[in-house]
Amino acid sequence: MEARAEAKYIRISPRKVQIVCDLIRGKDVGVAQGILMQTPKSGSEYLTKLLKSAAANAENNHEMDPDNLYVAQVFATGGPILKRGRPVSKGRMYRINKRTSHITLVVKERGEA
């Protein structure tokens, strides 16, 4: 059995979030929360909230033991890009891409196969 949580349209680049995702993949939920609390990356704030949500989903919706949970999957994919511009010489414009992310986090119980 697995429980998941998703955060969509987060205004951070998926490349930045993926760095923090790699830190917590495969770790116990308590250890992962500790890592996220001590990581100074901007993506750790969103992943902390998502991890708490996935753990709560597992406990309340699927009756899993919160002490045996671990992060089975976590990944960030690209969402829609907000296209903005910066004026440059001769009346032109350089594009500035403001990227968004869809983050998915899945927790499972440790005793399961």
N, C-alpha and C. Protein backbone atom coordinates (compact mmCIF):
# COMPACT_ATOMS: atom_id res chain seq x y z
N MET A 1 0.85 -1.18 0.00
CA MET A 1 0.00 0.00 0.00
C MET A 1 0.89 1.24 0.00
N GLU A 2 0.45 2.22 -0.71
CA GLU A 2 1.22 3.46 -0.77
C GLU A 2 0.28 4.65 -0.60
N ALA A 3 0.85 5.73 -0.13
CA ALA A 3 0.12 6.98 -0.01
C ALA A 3 0.92 8.05 -0.72
N ARG A 4 0.22 8.95 -1.39
CA ARG A 4 0.92 9.95 -2.17
C ARG A 4 0.38 11.33 -1.87
N ALA A 5 1.19 12.32 -2.20
CA ALA A 5 0.79 13.71 -2.13
C ALA A 5 1.43 14.43 -3.31
N GLU A 6 0.68 15.35 -3.89
CA GLU A 6 1.18 16.10 -5.03
C GLU A 6 1.02 17.59 -4.79
N ALA A 7 2.01 18.33 -5.23
CA ALA A 7 1.93 19.79 -5.21
C ALA A 7 2.11 20.25 -6.65
N LYS A 8 1.15 20.99 -7.15
CA LYS A 8 1.20 21.39 -8.55
C LYS A 8 1.35 22.90 -8.67
N TYR A 9 1.94 23.30 -9.77
CA TYR A 9 2.12 24.71 -10.12
C TYR A 9 2.93 25.48 -9.07
N ILE A 10 3.96 24.84 -8.53
CA ILE A 10 4.84 25.49 -7.55
C ILE A 10 5.81 26.38 -8.32
N ARG A 11 5.98 27.62 -7.86
CA ARG A 11 6.78 28.60 -8.61
C ARG A 11 8.26 28.47 -8.27
N ILE A 12 8.82 27.31 -8.60
CA ILE A 12 10.25 27.07 -8.46
C ILE A 12 10.65 26.13 -9.59
N SER A 13 11.86 26.27 -10.06
CA SER A 13 12.32 25.44 -11.16
C SER A 13 12.44 23.98 -10.73
N PRO A 14 12.02 23.03 -11.58
CA PRO A 14 12.14 21.62 -11.20
C PRO A 14 13.59 21.19 -11.00
N ARG A 15 14.49 21.85 -11.65
CA ARG A 15 15.91 21.52 -11.50
C ARG A 15 16.39 21.79 -10.07
N LYS A 16 15.89 22.85 -9.46
CA LYS A 16 16.26 23.17 -8.09
C LYS A 16 15.62 22.21 -7.09
N VAL A 17 14.39 21.79 -7.37
CA VAL A 17 13.69 20.88 -6.46
C VAL A 17 14.30 19.49 -6.53
N GLN A 18 14.73 19.08 -7.72
CA GLN A 18 15.26 17.73 -7.90
C GLN A 18 16.50 17.49 -7.05
N ILE A 19 17.29 18.53 -6.79
CA ILE A 19 18.47 18.39 -5.94
C ILE A 19 18.06 17.96 -4.54
N VAL A 20 17.01 18.56 -4.01
CA VAL A 20 16.55 18.23 -2.67
C VAL A 20 15.83 16.89 -2.66
N CYS A 21 15.14 16.55 -3.76
CA CYS A 21 14.47 15.25 -3.85
C CYS A 21 15.47 14.11 -3.73
N ASP A 22 16.64 14.27 -4.33
CA ASP A 22 17.65 13.22 -4.28
C ASP A 22 18.17 12.99 -2.86
N LEU A 23 18.08 14.01 -2.01
CA LEU A 23 18.57 13.87 -0.63
C LEU A 23 17.67 12.97 0.21
N ILE A 24 16.36 12.96 -0.05
CA ILE A 24 15.43 12.26 0.85
C ILE A 24 14.89 10.96 0.27
N ARG A 25 15.18 10.66 -0.99
CA ARG A 25 14.64 9.44 -1.60
C ARG A 25 15.16 8.20 -0.89
N GLY A 26 14.24 7.32 -0.46
CA GLY A 26 14.60 6.08 0.21
C GLY A 26 14.79 6.19 1.71
N LYS A 27 14.70 7.37 2.27
CA LYS A 27 14.91 7.57 3.72
C LYS A 27 13.60 7.40 4.48
N ASP A 28 13.71 7.10 5.78
CA ASP A 28 12.54 7.08 6.65
C ASP A 28 11.95 8.48 6.74
N VAL A 29 10.66 8.56 7.06
CA VAL A 29 9.98 9.85 7.07
C VAL A 29 10.59 10.78 8.12
N GLY A 30 10.90 10.25 9.31
CA GLY A 30 11.50 11.08 10.35
C GLY A 30 12.88 11.60 9.96
N VAL A 31 13.67 10.74 9.36
CA VAL A 31 15.02 11.14 8.91
C VAL A 31 14.91 12.16 7.78
N ALA A 32 13.96 11.94 6.87
CA ALA A 32 13.77 12.86 5.76
C ALA A 32 13.34 14.24 6.25
N GLN A 33 12.48 14.29 7.27
CA GLN A 33 12.07 15.58 7.82
C GLN A 33 13.26 16.30 8.45
N GLY A 34 14.11 15.56 9.14
CA GLY A 34 15.30 16.15 9.72
C GLY A 34 16.25 16.72 8.67
N ILE A 35 16.42 15.98 7.57
CA ILE A 35 17.27 16.45 6.48
C ILE A 35 16.71 17.73 5.87
N LEU A 36 15.39 17.73 5.65
CA LEU A 36 14.76 18.90 5.03
C LEU A 36 14.81 20.13 5.93
N MET A 37 14.72 19.92 7.24
CA MET A 37 14.77 21.05 8.17
C MET A 37 16.15 21.71 8.18
N GLN A 38 17.20 20.93 7.90
CA GLN A 38 18.56 21.43 7.96
C GLN A 38 19.13 21.82 6.59
N THR A 39 18.37 21.62 5.53
CA THR A 39 18.85 21.92 4.19
C THR A 39 18.51 23.36 3.83
N PRO A 40 19.48 24.17 3.46
CA PRO A 40 19.22 25.59 3.17
C PRO A 40 18.74 25.86 1.74
N LYS A 41 18.28 24.85 1.03
CA LYS A 41 17.80 25.03 -0.33
C LYS A 41 16.35 25.52 -0.32
N SER A 42 15.96 26.25 -1.36
CA SER A 42 14.61 26.81 -1.40
C SER A 42 13.55 25.73 -1.62
N GLY A 43 13.91 24.62 -2.24
CA GLY A 43 12.95 23.55 -2.48
C GLY A 43 12.60 22.75 -1.26
N SER A 44 13.40 22.84 -0.20
CA SER A 44 13.15 22.04 0.99
C SER A 44 11.88 22.49 1.71
N GLU A 45 11.52 23.76 1.59
CA GLU A 45 10.30 24.26 2.22
C GLU A 45 9.06 23.58 1.63
N TYR A 46 9.02 23.47 0.31
CA TYR A 46 7.88 22.83 -0.35
C TYR A 46 7.85 21.34 -0.07
N LEU A 47 9.01 20.70 -0.05
CA LEU A 47 9.05 19.26 0.19
C LEU A 47 8.71 18.90 1.63
N THR A 48 9.02 19.78 2.59
CA THR A 48 8.65 19.54 3.97
C THR A 48 7.13 19.48 4.11
N LYS A 49 6.48 20.45 3.51
CA LYS A 49 5.02 20.50 3.55
C LYS A 49 4.41 19.28 2.86
N LEU A 50 5.00 18.88 1.75
CA LEU A 50 4.50 17.74 0.99
C LEU A 50 4.71 16.43 1.74
N LEU A 51 5.84 16.30 2.41
CA LEU A 51 6.15 15.09 3.18
C LEU A 51 5.17 14.93 4.34
N LYS A 52 4.87 16.02 5.02
CA LYS A 52 3.89 15.96 6.12
C LYS A 52 2.51 15.57 5.60
N SER A 53 2.16 16.08 4.43
CA SER A 53 0.87 15.75 3.84
C SER A 53 0.78 14.28 3.45
N ALA A 54 1.84 13.74 2.85
CA ALA A 54 1.85 12.34 2.44
C ALA A 54 1.80 11.41 3.65
N ALA A 55 2.52 11.79 4.73
CA ALA A 55 2.50 10.98 5.94
C ALA A 55 1.11 11.00 6.58
N ALA A 56 0.46 12.16 6.56
CA ALA A 56 -0.89 12.26 7.11
C ALA A 56 -1.88 11.47 6.27
N ASN A 57 -1.71 11.49 4.95
CA ASN A 57 -2.57 10.68 4.07
C ASN A 57 -2.41 9.20 4.38
N ALA A 58 -1.19 8.76 4.60
CA ALA A 58 -0.93 7.34 4.89
C ALA A 58 -1.57 6.94 6.21
N GLU A 59 -1.45 7.79 7.20
CA GLU A 59 -1.98 7.46 8.53
C GLU A 59 -3.50 7.51 8.56
N ASN A 60 -4.10 8.53 7.98
CA ASN A 60 -5.54 8.74 8.11
C ASN A 60 -6.36 8.00 7.05
N ASN A 61 -5.87 7.95 5.82
CA ASN A 61 -6.67 7.35 4.75
C ASN A 61 -6.39 5.86 4.55
N HIS A 62 -5.17 5.41 4.85
CA HIS A 62 -4.79 4.02 4.57
C HIS A 62 -4.43 3.23 5.83
N GLU A 63 -4.59 3.82 7.00
CA GLU A 63 -4.31 3.17 8.29
C GLU A 63 -2.92 2.55 8.35
N MET A 64 -1.92 3.24 7.84
CA MET A 64 -0.53 2.77 7.93
C MET A 64 0.09 3.24 9.23
N ASP A 65 1.11 2.52 9.67
CA ASP A 65 1.83 2.89 10.88
C ASP A 65 2.81 4.02 10.55
N PRO A 66 2.68 5.18 11.19
CA PRO A 66 3.56 6.32 10.83
C PRO A 66 5.03 6.09 11.16
N ASP A 67 5.33 5.14 12.05
CA ASP A 67 6.73 4.88 12.41
C ASP A 67 7.46 4.04 11.37
N ASN A 68 6.72 3.31 10.53
CA ASN A 68 7.34 2.43 9.53
C ASN A 68 7.36 3.03 8.13
N LEU A 69 7.01 4.28 7.98
CA LEU A 69 6.93 4.89 6.66
C LEU A 69 8.29 5.32 6.15
N TYR A 70 8.47 5.21 4.84
CA TYR A 70 9.67 5.72 4.19
C TYR A 70 9.29 6.35 2.86
N VAL A 71 10.16 7.19 2.34
CA VAL A 71 9.91 7.88 1.07
C VAL A 71 10.26 6.92 -0.06
N ALA A 72 9.25 6.38 -0.72
CA ALA A 72 9.47 5.41 -1.78
C ALA A 72 9.83 6.10 -3.10
N GLN A 73 9.10 7.16 -3.43
CA GLN A 73 9.36 7.90 -4.66
C GLN A 73 9.20 9.38 -4.37
N VAL A 74 10.04 10.16 -5.00
CA VAL A 74 9.85 11.61 -4.98
C VAL A 74 10.49 12.16 -6.25
N PHE A 75 9.72 12.97 -6.98
CA PHE A 75 10.25 13.54 -8.21
C PHE A 75 9.53 14.84 -8.52
N ALA A 76 10.20 15.66 -9.31
CA ALA A 76 9.66 16.95 -9.73
C ALA A 76 9.67 17.00 -11.26
N THR A 77 8.53 17.33 -11.83
CA THR A 77 8.44 17.49 -13.27
C THR A 77 8.07 18.95 -13.58
N GLY A 78 8.34 19.34 -14.79
CA GLY A 78 8.09 20.72 -15.18
C GLY A 78 6.61 21.00 -15.40
N GLY A 79 6.19 22.15 -14.95
CA GLY A 79 4.84 22.62 -15.20
C GLY A 79 4.85 23.66 -16.30
N PRO A 80 3.79 24.44 -16.41
CA PRO A 80 3.77 25.49 -17.42
C PRO A 80 4.80 26.58 -17.12
N ILE A 81 5.31 27.19 -18.17
CA ILE A 81 6.33 28.22 -18.03
C ILE A 81 5.69 29.59 -18.22
N LEU A 82 5.92 30.48 -17.27
CA LEU A 82 5.46 31.86 -17.41
C LEU A 82 6.52 32.61 -18.21
N LYS A 83 6.12 33.17 -19.33
CA LYS A 83 7.08 33.84 -20.21
C LYS A 83 7.04 35.34 -19.97
N ARG A 84 8.16 35.88 -19.56
CA ARG A 84 8.28 37.30 -19.29
C ARG A 84 9.40 37.86 -20.16
N GLY A 85 9.53 39.17 -20.21
CA GLY A 85 10.54 39.76 -21.07
C GLY A 85 11.33 40.85 -20.38
N ARG A 86 12.52 41.07 -20.91
CA ARG A 86 13.41 42.11 -20.42
C ARG A 86 13.82 42.96 -21.61
N PRO A 87 13.60 44.26 -21.55
CA PRO A 87 13.96 45.10 -22.70
C PRO A 87 15.47 45.19 -22.88
N VAL A 88 15.91 45.12 -24.14
CA VAL A 88 17.31 45.29 -24.49
C VAL A 88 17.40 46.32 -25.60
N SER A 89 18.57 46.52 -26.13
CA SER A 89 18.81 47.60 -27.09
C SER A 89 18.01 47.42 -28.37
N LYS A 90 17.79 48.52 -29.06
CA LYS A 90 17.11 48.58 -30.35
C LYS A 90 15.65 48.11 -30.26
N GLY A 91 15.03 48.30 -29.14
CA GLY A 91 13.62 47.97 -29.00
C GLY A 91 13.30 46.50 -28.93
N ARG A 92 14.30 45.68 -28.70
CA ARG A 92 14.07 44.24 -28.65
C ARG A 92 13.76 43.79 -27.22
N MET A 93 13.53 42.49 -27.11
CA MET A 93 13.21 41.92 -25.81
C MET A 93 13.90 40.57 -25.67
N TYR A 94 14.50 40.33 -24.51
CA TYR A 94 15.02 39.01 -24.18
C TYR A 94 13.99 38.31 -23.33
N ARG A 95 13.75 37.04 -23.64
CA ARG A 95 12.76 36.29 -22.88
C ARG A 95 13.33 35.83 -21.55
N ILE A 96 12.51 35.91 -20.52
CA ILE A 96 12.82 35.36 -19.21
C ILE A 96 11.77 34.30 -18.92
N ASN A 97 12.20 33.06 -18.74
CA ASN A 97 11.29 31.96 -18.45
C ASN A 97 11.19 31.78 -16.94
N LYS A 98 9.98 31.91 -16.42
CA LYS A 98 9.74 31.67 -15.00
C LYS A 98 9.07 30.30 -14.90
N ARG A 99 9.85 29.34 -14.47
CA ARG A 99 9.41 27.95 -14.52
C ARG A 99 8.58 27.56 -13.30
N THR A 100 7.71 26.57 -13.49
CA THR A 100 6.91 26.02 -12.40
C THR A 100 7.15 24.51 -12.32
N SER A 101 6.76 23.91 -11.20
CA SER A 101 7.01 22.49 -10.97
C SER A 101 5.75 21.79 -10.49
N HIS A 102 5.68 20.51 -10.82
CA HIS A 102 4.72 19.60 -10.21
C HIS A 102 5.56 18.59 -9.42
N ILE A 103 5.35 18.53 -8.10
CA ILE A 103 6.15 17.65 -7.24
C ILE A 103 5.26 16.52 -6.74
N THR A 104 5.74 15.29 -6.83
CA THR A 104 5.01 14.12 -6.37
C THR A 104 5.86 13.39 -5.36
N LEU A 105 5.25 12.99 -4.22
CA LEU A 105 5.94 12.27 -3.17
C LEU A 105 5.10 11.07 -2.76
N VAL A 106 5.70 9.90 -2.74
CA VAL A 106 5.00 8.65 -2.40
C VAL A 106 5.69 8.03 -1.20
N VAL A 107 4.89 7.66 -0.18
CA VAL A 107 5.43 6.97 0.99
C VAL A 107 4.82 5.57 1.06
N LYS A 108 5.62 4.63 1.55
CA LYS A 108 5.18 3.24 1.75
C LYS A 108 5.60 2.78 3.13
N GLU A 109 5.01 1.66 3.56
CA GLU A 109 5.41 1.07 4.83
C GLU A 109 6.64 0.19 4.62
N ARG A 110 7.51 0.16 5.62
CA ARG A 110 8.79 -0.54 5.51
C ARG A 110 8.61 -2.05 5.41
N GLY A 111 7.64 -2.64 6.07
CA GLY A 111 7.47 -4.08 6.10
C GLY A 111 6.93 -4.68 4.81
N GLU A 112 6.44 -3.84 3.90
CA GLU A 112 5.82 -4.34 2.67
C GLU A 112 6.87 -4.79 1.66
N ALA A 113 6.45 -5.67 0.77
CA ALA A 113 7.34 -6.13 -0.29
C ALA A 113 7.21 -5.27 -1.51
